[in-house]
């Protein structure tokens, strides 16, 4: 598994997320503290736990397990995918394509600099 590191710095009385120069796909650029709040919500933590422990075979199945709408789960998965916590694997079955969420990290480290 991969560890993701997030650095938050204080400047002029406000927090901002430290942006690393993008050298490769393993480094992610957070655009603001709002994105971090969205990323670390209780619903996303619950979603990550279900993906890790129950290994749903599709986004639809994940939404059913979470008892949430498909659209809200899809939006959350897209955000988690954008920051490198989840990958979506396309699985062809008969004439259908399933999008299976797979956890690619199991540790998040946050550095807060004041």
Protein backbone atom coordinates (compact mmCIF):
# COMPACT_ATOMS: atom_id res chain seq x y z
CA UNK A 1 0.00 0.00 0.00
CA UNK A 2 0.94 3.63 -0.45
CA UNK A 3 1.07 6.36 2.17
CA UNK A 4 -0.33 9.79 1.22
CA UNK A 5 1.14 12.85 2.92
CA UNK A 6 -0.71 16.16 3.25
CA UNK A 7 1.02 19.28 4.57
CA UNK A 8 -0.99 22.24 5.91
CA UNK A 9 0.78 25.53 6.64
CA UNK A 10 -0.33 28.70 8.38
CA UNK A 11 0.31 31.99 6.61
CA UNK A 12 -1.09 35.39 7.54
CA UNK A 13 -3.65 33.91 9.92
CA UNK A 14 -5.09 31.36 7.48
CA UNK A 15 -4.28 27.75 6.68
CA UNK A 16 -3.42 26.62 3.20
CA UNK A 17 -2.33 23.33 1.75
CA UNK A 18 1.27 23.02 0.71
CA UNK A 19 1.49 22.28 -2.98
CA UNK A 20 4.30 20.03 -4.16
CA UNK A 21 5.50 20.42 -7.73
CA UNK A 22 3.97 17.59 -9.72
CA UNK A 23 6.93 15.41 -10.67
CA UNK A 24 4.90 12.26 -11.18
CA UNK A 25 1.45 10.82 -10.70
CA UNK A 26 2.22 9.80 -7.11
CA UNK A 27 2.25 13.43 -5.91
CA UNK A 28 -1.13 15.08 -5.52
CA UNK A 29 -1.89 18.77 -5.44
CA UNK A 30 -4.59 19.88 -2.99
CA UNK A 31 -6.21 23.11 -4.14
CA UNK A 32 -7.44 24.34 -0.77
CA UNK A 33 -8.42 23.54 2.77
CA UNK A 34 -12.02 23.02 1.62
CA UNK A 35 -10.88 20.08 -0.49
CA UNK A 36 -9.20 18.56 2.56
CA UNK A 37 -12.38 18.95 4.62
CA UNK A 38 -14.37 17.28 1.86
CA UNK A 39 -11.79 14.53 1.56
CA UNK A 40 -11.80 13.70 5.28
CA UNK A 41 -15.54 13.63 5.94
CA UNK A 42 -17.19 10.87 7.98
CA UNK A 43 -19.06 9.63 4.89
CA UNK A 44 -15.81 9.20 2.97
CA UNK A 45 -14.22 7.40 5.91
CA UNK A 46 -17.22 5.06 5.97
CA UNK A 47 -16.97 4.58 2.21
CA UNK A 48 -13.24 3.74 2.45
CA UNK A 49 -13.95 1.25 5.23
CA UNK A 50 -16.63 -0.55 3.20
CA UNK A 51 -14.35 -0.72 0.14
CA UNK A 52 -11.55 -2.12 2.30
CA UNK A 53 -13.57 -4.63 4.34
CA UNK A 54 -16.44 -5.68 2.07
CA UNK A 55 -14.78 -5.29 -1.37
CA UNK A 56 -17.89 -4.36 -3.40
CA UNK A 57 -17.84 -5.51 -7.03
CA UNK A 58 -19.28 -2.25 -8.40
CA UNK A 59 -20.15 1.34 -7.52
CA UNK A 60 -23.82 0.33 -7.52
CA UNK A 61 -23.14 -2.39 -4.93
CA UNK A 62 -21.11 0.08 -2.86
CA UNK A 63 -24.01 2.54 -2.87
CA UNK A 64 -26.40 -0.22 -1.74
CA UNK A 65 -24.05 -1.28 1.09
CA UNK A 66 -23.79 2.34 2.26
CA UNK A 67 -27.54 2.95 1.87
CA UNK A 68 -26.77 6.11 -0.13
CA UNK A 69 -27.71 7.33 -3.59
CA UNK A 70 -25.59 6.18 -6.50
CA UNK A 71 -24.82 9.79 -7.49
CA UNK A 72 -23.48 10.81 -4.07
CA UNK A 73 -21.34 7.67 -3.83
CA UNK A 74 -20.08 8.20 -7.39
CA UNK A 75 -19.11 11.81 -6.58
CA UNK A 76 -17.31 10.73 -3.39
CA UNK A 77 -15.45 7.95 -5.20
CA UNK A 78 -14.37 10.37 -7.95
CA UNK A 79 -12.93 12.75 -5.33
CA UNK A 80 -11.13 9.90 -3.55
CA UNK A 81 -9.84 8.67 -6.90
CA UNK A 82 -8.59 12.17 -7.78
CA UNK A 83 -6.46 12.22 -4.61
CA UNK A 84 -5.16 8.70 -5.08
CA UNK A 85 -6.97 6.76 -2.35
CA UNK A 86 -9.14 4.64 -4.65
CA UNK A 87 -8.75 3.26 -8.17
CA UNK A 88 -11.67 2.30 -10.38
CA UNK A 89 -11.13 -1.00 -12.19
CA UNK A 90 -13.28 -1.72 -15.23
CA UNK A 91 -14.59 -5.27 -15.17
CA UNK A 92 -16.38 -6.56 -18.28
CA UNK A 93 -19.11 -9.08 -17.57
CA UNK A 94 -21.32 -10.22 -20.43
CA UNK A 95 -22.39 -7.00 -22.18
CA UNK A 96 -21.90 -4.79 -19.12
CA UNK A 97 -18.94 -2.93 -17.73
CA UNK A 98 -18.71 -2.76 -13.95
CA UNK A 99 -16.64 -0.09 -12.25
CA UNK A 100 -15.10 -1.73 -9.20
CA UNK A 101 -13.62 0.55 -6.50
CA UNK A 102 -10.30 -0.69 -5.10
CA UNK A 103 -8.46 0.84 -2.15
CA UNK A 104 -4.85 1.71 -3.04
CA UNK A 105 -3.71 3.26 0.26
CA UNK A 106 -4.37 2.39 3.86
CA UNK A 107 -2.59 5.24 5.62
CA UNK A 108 -3.01 9.03 5.55
CA UNK A 109 -0.43 11.29 7.20
CA UNK A 110 -1.27 14.96 7.81
CA UNK A 111 1.39 17.51 8.76
CA UNK A 112 0.14 20.76 10.26
CA UNK A 113 2.70 23.61 10.30
CA UNK A 114 1.89 26.70 12.35
